[in-house]
C-alpha atoms as a PDB file:
ATOM      1  CA  MET A   1     212.216  50.320  -4.492  1.00  0.00           C
ATOM      2  CA  ARG A   2     211.767  51.782  -7.942  1.00  0.00           C
ATOM      3  CA  LEU A   3     213.007  50.042 -11.081  1.00  0.00           C
ATOM      4  CA  ILE A   4     213.143  51.336 -14.619  1.00  0.00           C
ATOM      5  CA  SER A   5     213.857  49.340 -17.766  1.00  0.00           C
ATOM      6  CA  ARG A   6     214.535  50.718 -21.240  1.00  0.00           C
ATOM      7  CA  VAL A   7     214.151  48.274 -24.127  1.00  0.00           C
ATOM      8  CA  PRO A   8     214.795  48.962 -27.836  1.00  0.00           C
ATOM      9  CA  ALA A   9     212.524  48.368 -30.781  1.00  0.00           C
ATOM     10  CA  THR A  10     213.581  45.513 -33.018  1.00  0.00           C
ATOM     11  CA  THR A  11     213.209  44.480 -36.626  1.00  0.00           C
ATOM     12  CA  ALA A  12     212.999  40.732 -37.146  1.00  0.00           C
ATOM     13  CA  ASN A  13     213.961  38.433 -40.030  1.00  0.00           C
ATOM     14  CA  LEU A  14     216.054  41.010 -41.927  1.00  0.00           C
ATOM     15  CA  GLY A  15     214.493  39.649 -45.088  1.00  0.00           C
ATOM     16  CA  VAL A  16     216.043  36.208 -45.467  1.00  0.00           C
ATOM     17  CA  GLY A  17     216.503  35.236 -41.790  1.00  0.00           C
ATOM     18  CA  PHE A  18     212.949  34.156 -40.976  1.00  0.00           C
ATOM     19  CA  ASP A  19     212.526  33.650 -37.207  1.00  0.00           C
ATOM     20  CA  THR A  20     216.311  33.710 -36.702  1.00  0.00           C
ATOM     21  CA  LEU A  21     217.801  37.153 -37.479  1.00  0.00           C
ATOM     22  CA  GLY A  22     216.989  40.354 -35.631  1.00  0.00           C
ATOM     23  CA  LEU A  23     218.307  43.876 -35.163  1.00  0.00           C
ATOM     24  CA  ALA A  24     217.849  46.351 -32.291  1.00  0.00           C
ATOM     25  CA  LEU A  25     216.962  49.940 -33.226  1.00  0.00           C
ATOM     26  CA  SER A  26     217.287  53.298 -31.473  1.00  0.00           C
ATOM     27  CA  MET A  27     213.622  53.590 -30.513  1.00  0.00           C
ATOM     28  CA  TYR A  28     212.633  52.684 -26.944  1.00  0.00           C
ATOM     29  CA  ASN A  29     209.840  51.721 -24.597  1.00  0.00           C
ATOM     30  CA  ILE A  30     210.372  52.612 -20.940  1.00  0.00           C
ATOM     31  CA  PHE A  31     208.872  50.682 -18.024  1.00  0.00           C
ATOM     32  CA  GLU A  32     208.895  51.948 -14.444  1.00  0.00           C
ATOM     33  CA  VAL A  33     207.751  49.891 -11.459  1.00  0.00           C
ATOM     34  CA  SER A  34     207.634  50.430  -7.709  1.00  0.00           C
ATOM     35  CA  ILE A  35     206.082  48.385  -4.911  1.00  0.00           C
ATOM     36  CA  SER A  36     202.903  50.063  -3.737  1.00  0.00           C
ATOM     37  CA  ASP A  37     199.864  49.608  -1.493  1.00  0.00           C
ATOM     38  CA  VAL A  38     197.582  49.030  -4.479  1.00  0.00           C
ATOM     39  CA  ASP A  39     198.038  48.160  -8.145  1.00  0.00           C
ATOM     40  CA  SER A  40     198.062  51.124 -10.505  1.00  0.00           C
ATOM     41  CA  LEU A  41     198.847  51.499 -14.195  1.00  0.00           C
ATOM     42  CA  GLU A  42     199.701  54.636 -16.168  1.00  0.00           C
ATOM     43  CA  ILE A  43     200.511  54.455 -19.873  1.00  0.00           C
ATOM     44  CA  ARG A  44     201.656  57.250 -22.138  1.00  0.00           C
ATOM     45  CA  GLY A  45     202.067  56.996 -25.887  1.00  0.00           C
ATOM     46  CA  GLU A  46     201.470  54.238 -28.431  1.00  0.00           C
ATOM     47  CA  GLY A  47     198.543  51.891 -27.781  1.00  0.00           C
ATOM     48  CA  SER A  48     197.724  53.316 -24.374  1.00  0.00           C
ATOM     49  CA  GLU A  49     194.017  52.568 -24.812  1.00  0.00           C
ATOM     50  CA  ASP A  50     194.634  48.855 -25.445  1.00  0.00           C
ATOM     51  CA  LEU A  51     197.377  48.280 -22.893  1.00  0.00           C
ATOM     52  CA  VAL A  52     195.335  49.362 -19.881  1.00  0.00           C
ATOM     53  CA  ASN A  53     193.615  45.957 -20.139  1.00  0.00           C
ATOM     54  CA  ARG A  54     195.829  43.525 -18.194  1.00  0.00           C
ATOM     55  CA  GLU A  55     194.973  40.710 -20.613  1.00  0.00           C
ATOM     56  CA  ASN A  56     196.460  42.759 -23.483  1.00  0.00           C
ATOM     57  CA  ASN A  57     199.508  43.973 -21.578  1.00  0.00           C
ATOM     58  CA  SER A  58     202.538  41.788 -22.350  1.00  0.00           C
ATOM     59  CA  PHE A  59     204.606  43.554 -19.693  1.00  0.00           C
ATOM     60  CA  LEU A  60     202.264  42.679 -16.833  1.00  0.00           C
ATOM     61  CA  LYS A  61     201.755  39.173 -18.201  1.00  0.00           C
ATOM     62  CA  ALA A  62     205.538  38.632 -18.239  1.00  0.00           C
ATOM     63  CA  ILE A  63     205.778  39.713 -14.589  1.00  0.00           C
ATOM     64  CA  ASP A  64     202.936  37.352 -13.634  1.00  0.00           C
ATOM     65  CA  TYR A  65     204.572  34.550 -15.625  1.00  0.00           C
ATOM     66  CA  PHE A  66     207.913  34.929 -13.850  1.00  0.00           C
ATOM     67  CA  TYR A  67     206.376  35.024 -10.379  1.00  0.00           C
ATOM     68  CA  ASN A  68     204.258  31.969 -11.216  1.00  0.00           C
ATOM     69  CA  LEU A  69     207.400  30.037 -12.217  1.00  0.00           C
ATOM     70  CA  TYR A  70     208.519  30.219  -8.588  1.00  0.00           C
ATOM     71  CA  GLY A  71     205.090  29.783  -7.006  1.00  0.00           C
ATOM     72  CA  MET A  72     204.974  33.423  -5.952  1.00  0.00           C
ATOM     73  CA  VAL A  73     202.362  36.167  -6.220  1.00  0.00           C
ATOM     74  CA  PRO A  74     203.413  39.659  -7.346  1.00  0.00           C
ATOM     75  CA  PRO A  75     203.004  42.397  -4.741  1.00  0.00           C
ATOM     76  CA  PRO A  76     200.849  45.431  -5.580  1.00  0.00           C
ATOM     77  CA  LEU A  77     202.781  47.453  -8.134  1.00  0.00           C
ATOM     78  CA  ALA A  78     202.632  51.022  -9.370  1.00  0.00           C
ATOM     79  CA  VAL A  79     203.465  50.771 -13.083  1.00  0.00           C
ATOM     80  CA  ARG A  80     204.245  53.547 -15.527  1.00  0.00           C
ATOM     81  CA  ILE A  81     204.899  52.835 -19.191  1.00  0.00           C
ATOM     82  CA  VAL A  82     206.134  55.233 -21.846  1.00  0.00           C
ATOM     83  CA  SER A  83     205.295  53.502 -25.115  1.00  0.00           C
ATOM     84  CA  ASN A  84     207.265  54.856 -28.078  1.00  0.00           C
ATOM     85  CA  ILE A  85     207.321  51.703 -30.237  1.00  0.00           C
ATOM     86  CA  PRO A  86     204.306  51.515 -32.565  1.00  0.00           C
ATOM     87  CA  ILE A  87     202.050  48.531 -31.908  1.00  0.00           C
ATOM     88  CA  CYS A  88     201.213  45.946 -34.600  1.00  0.00           C
ATOM     89  CA  ARG A  89     203.772  47.435 -36.996  1.00  0.00           C
ATOM     90  CA  GLY A  90     206.414  44.675 -36.904  1.00  0.00           C
ATOM     91  CA  LEU A  91     208.792  46.537 -34.577  1.00  0.00           C
ATOM     92  CA  GLY A  92     208.878  44.278 -31.543  1.00  0.00           C
ATOM     93  CA  SER A  93     206.598  46.197 -29.179  1.00  0.00           C
ATOM     94  CA  SER A  94     205.479  42.982 -27.452  1.00  0.00           C
ATOM     95  CA  ALA A  95     209.071  41.724 -27.281  1.00  0.00           C
ATOM     96  CA  SER A  96     210.159  44.925 -25.525  1.00  0.00           C
ATOM     97  CA  ALA A  97     207.391  44.478 -22.955  1.00  0.00           C
ATOM     98  CA  ILE A  98     208.211  40.814 -22.349  1.00  0.00           C
ATOM     99  CA  VAL A  99     211.928  41.490 -21.902  1.00  0.00           C
ATOM    100  CA  ALA A 100     211.282  44.409 -19.527  1.00  0.00           C
ATOM    101  CA  GLY A 101     208.748  42.403 -17.508  1.00  0.00           C
ATOM    102  CA  LEU A 102     211.185  39.534 -17.016  1.00  0.00           C
ATOM    103  CA  LEU A 103     214.100  41.821 -16.094  1.00  0.00           C
ATOM    104  CA  ILE A 104     212.028  43.678 -13.525  1.00  0.00           C
ATOM    105  CA  ALA A 105     210.419  40.540 -12.058  1.00  0.00           C
ATOM    106  CA  ASN A 106     213.872  38.936 -11.803  1.00  0.00           C
ATOM    107  CA  SER A 107     215.090  41.934  -9.818  1.00  0.00           C
ATOM    108  CA  LEU A 108     212.004  42.186  -7.594  1.00  0.00           C
ATOM    109  CA  THR A 109     212.281  38.515  -6.632  1.00  0.00           C
ATOM    110  CA  ASN A 110     216.070  38.612  -6.161  1.00  0.00           C
ATOM    111  CA  LYS A 111     216.503  35.554  -8.383  1.00  0.00           C
ATOM    112  CA  ASN A 112     219.554  37.101 -10.069  1.00  0.00           C
ATOM    113  CA  LEU A 113     219.144  35.220 -13.327  1.00  0.00           C
ATOM    114  CA  THR A 114     221.375  36.333 -16.180  1.00  0.00           C
ATOM    115  CA  LYS A 115     220.061  37.739 -19.443  1.00  0.00           C
ATOM    116  CA  GLU A 116     220.990  34.445 -21.076  1.00  0.00           C
ATOM    117  CA  GLU A 117     218.862  32.538 -18.543  1.00  0.00           C
ATOM    118  CA  LEU A 118     215.945  34.951 -18.917  1.00  0.00           C
ATOM    119  CA  LEU A 119     216.011  34.652 -22.708  1.00  0.00           C
ATOM    120  CA  LYS A 120     214.546  31.139 -22.567  1.00  0.00           C
ATOM    121  CA  TYR A 121     211.468  32.484 -20.795  1.00  0.00           C
ATOM    122  CA  ALA A 122     211.206  35.399 -23.207  1.00  0.00           C
ATOM    123  CA  VAL A 123     211.138  32.989 -26.149  1.00  0.00           C
ATOM    124  CA  GLU A 124     208.493  30.867 -24.441  1.00  0.00           C
ATOM    125  CA  LEU A 125     206.283  33.936 -24.005  1.00  0.00           C
ATOM    126  CA  GLU A 126     206.899  35.410 -27.469  1.00  0.00           C
ATOM    127  CA  GLY A 127     206.910  32.108 -29.356  1.00  0.00           C
ATOM    128  CA  HIS A 128     210.030  32.837 -31.439  1.00  0.00           C
ATOM    129  CA  PRO A 129     213.444  34.381 -30.715  1.00  0.00           C
ATOM    130  CA  ASP A 130     214.007  36.878 -33.539  1.00  0.00           C
ATOM    131  CA  ASN A 131     212.638  39.926 -31.670  1.00  0.00           C
ATOM    132  CA  VAL A 132     213.312  39.139 -28.004  1.00  0.00           C
ATOM    133  CA  THR A 133     216.989  38.289 -28.606  1.00  0.00           C
ATOM    134  CA  PRO A 134     218.080  41.678 -30.019  1.00  0.00           C
ATOM    135  CA  ALA A 135     215.740  43.393 -27.550  1.00  0.00           C
ATOM    136  CA  MET A 136     217.618  41.675 -24.727  1.00  0.00           C
ATOM    137  CA  PHE A 137     221.189  41.926 -26.047  1.00  0.00           C
ATOM    138  CA  GLY A 138     221.148  44.691 -28.664  1.00  0.00           C
ATOM    139  CA  GLY A 139     222.875  44.704 -32.041  1.00  0.00           C
ATOM    140  CA  CYS A 140     222.324  42.236 -34.854  1.00  0.00           C
ATOM    141  CA  THR A 141     221.672  38.703 -33.607  1.00  0.00           C
ATOM    142  CA  ILE A 142     221.080  35.217 -34.917  1.00  0.00           C
ATOM    143  CA  SER A 143     219.289  32.742 -32.662  1.00  0.00           C
ATOM    144  CA  LEU A 144     218.877  28.984 -32.559  1.00  0.00           C
ATOM    145  CA  PHE A 145     216.836  26.877 -30.150  1.00  0.00           C
ATOM    146  CA  SER A 146     218.689  23.562 -29.981  1.00  0.00           C
ATOM    147  CA  LYS A 147     218.200  20.688 -27.536  1.00  0.00           C
ATOM    148  CA  GLU A 148     216.465  22.798 -24.914  1.00  0.00           C
ATOM    149  CA  LYS A 149     219.184  25.454 -25.170  1.00  0.00           C
ATOM    150  CA  MET A 150     219.075  28.918 -26.713  1.00  0.00           C
ATOM    151  CA  LEU A 151     222.139  29.717 -28.778  1.00  0.00           C
ATOM    152  CA  VAL A 152     222.742  33.374 -29.662  1.00  0.00           C
ATOM    153  CA  LYS A 153     225.486  34.992 -31.711  1.00  0.00           C
ATOM    154  CA  LYS A 154     225.962  38.698 -32.391  1.00  0.00           C
ATOM    155  CA  ILE A 155     226.868  39.745 -35.913  1.00  0.00           C
ATOM    156  CA  PRO A 156     228.944  42.918 -36.387  1.00  0.00           C
ATOM    157  CA  PHE A 157     227.058  45.429 -38.521  1.00  0.00           C
ATOM    158  CA  PRO A 158     229.115  47.555 -40.938  1.00  0.00           C
ATOM    159  CA  LYS A 159     229.518  51.129 -39.683  1.00  0.00           C
ATOM    160  CA  GLY A 160     228.838  52.453 -43.167  1.00  0.00           C
ATOM    161  CA  LEU A 161     225.378  50.882 -43.285  1.00  0.00           C
ATOM    162  CA  ARG A 162     222.382  52.974 -42.249  1.00  0.00           C
ATOM    163  CA  ILE A 163     218.819  51.988 -41.348  1.00  0.00           C
ATOM    164  CA  ILE A 164     215.814  53.818 -42.757  1.00  0.00           C
ATOM    165  CA  LEU A 165     212.470  52.764 -41.352  1.00  0.00           C
ATOM    166  CA  ALA A 166     209.087  53.399 -42.983  1.00  0.00           C
ATOM    167  CA  ILE A 167     206.187  52.961 -40.547  1.00  0.00           C
ATOM    168  CA  PRO A 168     202.795  52.901 -42.337  1.00  0.00           C
ATOM    169  CA  SER A 169     199.738  54.371 -40.679  1.00  0.00           C
ATOM    170  CA  PHE A 170     197.883  51.030 -40.709  1.00  0.00           C
ATOM    171  CA  ASN A 171     198.314  47.908 -38.548  1.00  0.00           C
ATOM    172  CA  VAL A 172     198.922  44.251 -39.301  1.00  0.00           C
ATOM    173  CA  GLU A 173     198.281  41.772 -36.491  1.00  0.00           C
ATOM    174  CA  THR A 174     201.199  39.380 -35.968  1.00  0.00           C
ATOM    175  CA  GLU A 175     198.848  36.420 -35.602  1.00  0.00           C
ATOM    176  CA  THR A 176     197.188  37.240 -38.904  1.00  0.00           C
ATOM    177  CA  SER A 177     200.515  37.651 -40.659  1.00  0.00           C
ATOM    178  CA  ARG A 178     201.803  34.300 -39.383  1.00  0.00           C
ATOM    179  CA  LYS A 179     198.631  32.394 -40.252  1.00  0.00           C
ATOM    180  CA  ILE A 180     199.006  33.289 -43.904  1.00  0.00           C
ATOM    181  CA  LEU A 181     202.384  31.522 -44.166  1.00  0.00           C
ATOM    182  CA  PRO A 182     202.384  28.065 -45.824  1.00  0.00           C
ATOM    183  CA  ASP A 183     202.826  24.898 -43.775  1.00  0.00           C
ATOM    184  CA  CYS A 184     205.509  23.626 -46.156  1.00  0.00           C
ATOM    185  CA  VAL A 185     207.698  24.991 -48.952  1.00  0.00           C
ATOM    186  CA  PRO A 186     209.643  23.284 -51.776  1.00  0.00           C
ATOM    187  CA  PHE A 187     213.065  21.854 -50.947  1.00  0.00           C
ATOM    188  CA  ASP A 188     214.856  24.089 -53.465  1.00  0.00           C
ATOM    189  CA  THR A 189     213.243  27.187 -51.937  1.00  0.00           C
ATOM    190  CA  VAL A 190     214.641  26.234 -48.530  1.00  0.00           C
ATOM    191  CA  ALA A 191     218.064  25.560 -50.040  1.00  0.00           C
ATOM    192  CA  ARG A 192     218.157  29.007 -51.669  1.00  0.00           C
ATOM    193  CA  GLY A 193     217.027  30.554 -48.404  1.00  0.00           C
ATOM    194  CA  LEU A 194     219.863  28.916 -46.483  1.00  0.00           C
ATOM    195  CA  ALA A 195     222.368  30.140 -49.061  1.00  0.00           C
ATOM    196  CA  LYS A 196     221.008  33.677 -48.823  1.00  0.00           C
ATOM    197  CA  ILE A 197     221.303  33.742 -45.024  1.00  0.00           C
ATOM    198  CA  GLY A 198     224.926  32.646 -45.301  1.00  0.00           C
ATOM    199  CA  MET A 199     225.675  35.181 -48.025  1.00  0.00           C
ATOM    200  CA  PHE A 200     223.969  37.982 -46.097  1.00  0.00           C
ATOM    201  CA  ILE A 201     225.963  37.327 -42.929  1.00  0.00           C
ATOM    202  CA  THR A 202     229.178  36.997 -44.941  1.00  0.00           C
ATOM    203  CA  SER A 203     228.416  40.311 -46.664  1.00  0.00           C
ATOM    204  CA  LEU A 204     228.048  41.992 -43.277  1.00  0.00           C
ATOM    205  CA  LEU A 205     231.224  40.456 -41.884  1.00  0.00           C
ATOM    206  CA  THR A 206     233.325  41.347 -44.924  1.00  0.00           C
ATOM    207  CA  ASN A 207     231.630  44.705 -45.592  1.00  0.00           C
ATOM    208  CA  ASP A 208     231.036  43.547 -49.179  1.00  0.00           C
ATOM    209  CA  LEU A 209     227.553  44.961 -49.687  1.00  0.00           C
ATOM    210  CA  LYS A 210     227.206  45.314 -53.442  1.00  0.00           C
ATOM    211  CA  ASP A 211     225.156  42.118 -53.885  1.00  0.00           C
ATOM    212  CA  LEU A 212     222.686  42.752 -51.046  1.00  0.00           C
ATOM    213  CA  PRO A 213     219.768  43.706 -53.351  1.00  0.00           C
ATOM    214  CA  SER A 214     219.900  40.197 -54.855  1.00  0.00           C
ATOM    215  CA  ILE A 215     220.753  38.355 -51.641  1.00  0.00           C
ATOM    216  CA  LEU A 216     217.842  39.909 -49.735  1.00  0.00           C
ATOM    217  CA  GLU A 217     215.151  38.575 -52.093  1.00  0.00           C
ATOM    218  CA  ASP A 218     213.291  36.371 -49.622  1.00  0.00           C
ATOM    219  CA  GLU A 219     211.020  33.509 -50.720  1.00  0.00           C
ATOM    220  CA  LEU A 220     209.916  32.054 -47.369  1.00  0.00           C
ATOM    221  CA  HIS A 221     207.667  34.735 -45.892  1.00  0.00           C
ATOM    222  CA  GLU A 222     207.776  38.059 -47.755  1.00  0.00           C
ATOM    223  CA  PRO A 223     205.791  36.914 -50.837  1.00  0.00           C
ATOM    224  CA  TYR A 224     202.870  36.076 -48.515  1.00  0.00           C
ATOM    225  CA  ARG A 225     203.107  39.015 -46.138  1.00  0.00           C
ATOM    226  CA  ALA A 226     203.485  41.464 -49.027  1.00  0.00           C
ATOM    227  CA  ARG A 227     199.760  41.268 -49.695  1.00  0.00           C
ATOM    228  CA  TYR A 228     199.143  43.293 -46.524  1.00  0.00           C
ATOM    229  CA  ILE A 229     201.241  46.197 -47.869  1.00  0.00           C
ATOM    230  CA  PRO A 230     199.636  47.778 -50.941  1.00  0.00           C
ATOM    231  CA  ASN A 231     201.966  47.874 -53.963  1.00  0.00           C
ATOM    232  CA  TYR A 232     204.840  46.425 -51.923  1.00  0.00           C
ATOM    233  CA  SER A 233     206.615  44.763 -54.864  1.00  0.00           C
ATOM    234  CA  ARG A 234     206.563  47.977 -56.860  1.00  0.00           C
ATOM    235  CA  ILE A 235     207.618  50.055 -53.851  1.00  0.00           C
ATOM    236  CA  LYS A 236     210.538  47.712 -53.183  1.00  0.00           C
ATOM    237  CA  GLU A 237     211.677  47.846 -56.810  1.00  0.00           C
ATOM    238  CA  GLU A 238     211.510  51.627 -56.907  1.00  0.00           C
ATOM    239  CA  ILE A 239     213.417  52.047 -53.619  1.00  0.00           C
ATOM    240  CA  ILE A 240     216.143  49.692 -54.846  1.00  0.00           C
ATOM    241  CA  SER A 241     216.329  51.654 -58.091  1.00  0.00           C
ATOM    242  CA  ALA A 242     216.743  54.825 -56.008  1.00  0.00           C
ATOM    243  CA  GLY A 243     219.909  53.363 -54.488  1.00  0.00           C
ATOM    244  CA  ALA A 244     218.937  51.238 -51.488  1.00  0.00           C
ATOM    245  CA  LEU A 245     221.024  48.180 -50.694  1.00  0.00           C
ATOM    246  CA  GLY A 246     218.078  46.234 -49.317  1.00  0.00           C
ATOM    247  CA  VAL A 247     214.341  46.563 -48.736  1.00  0.00           C
ATOM    248  CA  MET A 248     212.617  44.216 -46.277  1.00  0.00           C
ATOM    249  CA  ILE A 249     209.357  43.796 -44.423  1.00  0.00           C
ATOM    250  CA  SER A 250     210.052  44.366 -40.729  1.00  0.00           C
ATOM    251  CA  GLY A 251     208.935  41.277 -38.844  1.00  0.00           C
ATOM    252  CA  SER A 252     205.314  40.545 -39.677  1.00  0.00           C
ATOM    253  CA  GLY A 253     204.885  44.029 -41.159  1.00  0.00           C
ATOM    254  CA  PRO A 254     203.676  46.428 -42.272  1.00  0.00           C
ATOM    255  CA  SER A 255     206.792  48.498 -41.461  1.00  0.00           C
ATOM    256  CA  ILE A 256     209.514  48.446 -44.105  1.00  0.00           C
ATOM    257  CA  VAL A 257     213.251  48.428 -43.346  1.00  0.00           C
ATOM    258  CA  ILE A 258     215.666  49.900 -45.870  1.00  0.00           C
ATOM    259  CA  LEU A 259     219.435  49.444 -45.796  1.00  0.00           C
ATOM    260  CA  ALA A 260     221.384  52.396 -47.170  1.00  0.00           C
ATOM    261  CA  GLU A 261     224.983  53.499 -47.525  1.00  0.00           C
ATOM    262  CA  LYS A 262     225.986  56.197 -45.054  1.00  0.00           C
ATOM    263  CA  ASP A 263     226.608  58.910 -47.628  1.00  0.00           C
ATOM    264  CA  ARG A 264     223.298  58.291 -49.434  1.00  0.00           C
ATOM    265  CA  ASP A 265     220.811  57.861 -46.585  1.00  0.00           C
ATOM    266  CA  LYS A 266     219.572  61.475 -46.384  1.00  0.00           C
ATOM    267  CA  ARG A 267     218.771  61.728 -50.077  1.00  0.00           C
ATOM    268  CA  LEU A 268     217.339  58.213 -50.114  1.00  0.00           C
ATOM    269  CA  LYS A 269     215.034  59.057 -47.193  1.00  0.00           C
ATOM    270  CA  GLU A 270     213.489  61.840 -49.288  1.00  0.00           C
ATOM    271  CA  ASP A 271     213.108  59.474 -52.235  1.00  0.00           C
ATOM    272  CA  ILE A 272     211.406  56.881 -50.044  1.00  0.00           C
ATOM    273  CA  GLU A 273     208.886  59.419 -48.771  1.00  0.00           C
ATOM    274  CA  PHE A 274     208.057  60.334 -52.381  1.00  0.00           C
ATOM    275  CA  ILE A 275     207.804  56.679 -53.500  1.00  0.00           C
ATOM    276  CA  LEU A 276     205.504  55.702 -50.650  1.00  0.00           C
ATOM    277  CA  ASN A 277     203.267  58.706 -51.183  1.00  0.00           C
ATOM    278  CA  LYS A 278     203.084  58.009 -54.926  1.00  0.00           C
ATOM    279  CA  ASN A 279     201.982  54.451 -54.176  1.00  0.00           C
ATOM    280  CA  GLY A 280     199.280  55.520 -51.777  1.00  0.00           C
ATOM    281  CA  ILE A 281     200.941  54.736 -48.444  1.00  0.00           C
ATOM    282  CA  LEU A 282     200.963  57.272 -45.624  1.00  0.00           C
ATOM    283  CA  ALA A 283     204.001  56.521 -43.459  1.00  0.00           C
ATOM    284  CA  ASP A 284     206.511  58.019 -41.068  1.00  0.00           C
ATOM    285  CA  VAL A 285     210.013  57.649 -42.527  1.00  0.00           C
ATOM    286  CA  LEU A 286     212.806  57.673 -39.942  1.00  0.00           C
ATOM    287  CA  SER A 287     216.582  57.348 -39.971  1.00  0.00           C
ATOM    288  CA  LEU A 288     217.589  55.220 -36.991  1.00  0.00           C
ATOM    289  CA  GLU A 289     220.799  54.068 -35.394  1.00  0.00           C
ATOM    290  CA  ILE A 290     221.488  50.506 -34.336  1.00  0.00           C
ATOM    291  CA  ASP A 291     221.145  49.968 -30.586  1.00  0.00           C
ATOM    292  CA  ASN A 292     224.093  47.859 -29.410  1.00  0.00           C
ATOM    293  CA  GLU A 293     223.250  47.844 -25.707  1.00  0.00           C
ATOM    294  CA  GLY A 294     219.898  46.086 -25.606  1.00  0.00           C
ATOM    295  CA  ALA A 295     217.651  46.122 -22.559  1.00  0.00           C
ATOM    296  CA  VAL A 296     218.916  47.983 -19.509  1.00  0.00           C
ATOM    297  CA  LEU A 297     217.627  47.969 -15.940  1.00  0.00           C
ATOM    298  CA  GLU A 298     218.291  50.638 -13.337  1.00  0.00           C
ATOM    299  CA  VAL A 299     217.222  50.699  -9.706  1.00  0.00           C
ATOM    300  CA  ASN A 300     215.811  53.700  -7.840  1.00  0.00           C
ATOM    301  CA  LYS A 301     215.392  55.800 -10.983  1.00  0.00           C
ATOM    302  CA  CYS A 302     212.222  57.393 -12.271  1.00  0.00           C
ATOM    303  CA  ILE A 303     210.808  58.756 -15.515  1.00  0.00           C
ATOM    304  CA  ALA A 304     211.076  62.509 -15.746  1.00  0.00           C
END
């Protein structure tokens, strides 16, 4: 039996939704597995040198984790991975691997758990839900872990809103980016943050986007993570001045997510490339669609 899973990249936090909001993007990792006589691993694309080590491979670790839950040992597997999501750039590469590993292990063991049931395990492996939830379900999601239960809601994203993604050439380790965050923040900072999350979601639901540049001024994590992106504050200000509706650090960084109106995204993309270059950052700037499907699993298919 051959199984193939396609999982989208994700951008977490969306500025003000630290560890709660996430969005799936039209960039994908592909994982193919078949039962074999001996274990084998082939990786093409991003991070292939690092991922050949089983200890660094979140996909294989997720498979082992699932089998261990049921006191089982994985059979020898022939694994092929096409890695298109940049690693250590804040785009959910580990989340994609975890989600795919759980989906495939669930199928191989015939446990028939739902995506909702698998999500709990994905959060346990990842440590937070903001990437694994949109990777699993697609679209824009908000997640809450409450009383041993994962609650997930999907938020409709306005059709006139476009995503521009700037992926710098340098890495930022997630662990490093999380360690720099403070253990506590002032009460009024938290209160403003809660208001901004509510206003952001309301703006999306009502398609009233004019105040997004002000709403998406985060105070919980971006001021600390910005130090890993040279000239970030100036870059953000200049991109907003060029017409963006929002500029946010993607997850733990260093990728930057820009929200743009549909009729301005092409011109804005050119402006962003100029602004980044002027501020000394070499980056790939992409226009991406929102993935609304999330992770998919097909049986008896193979990578071309």
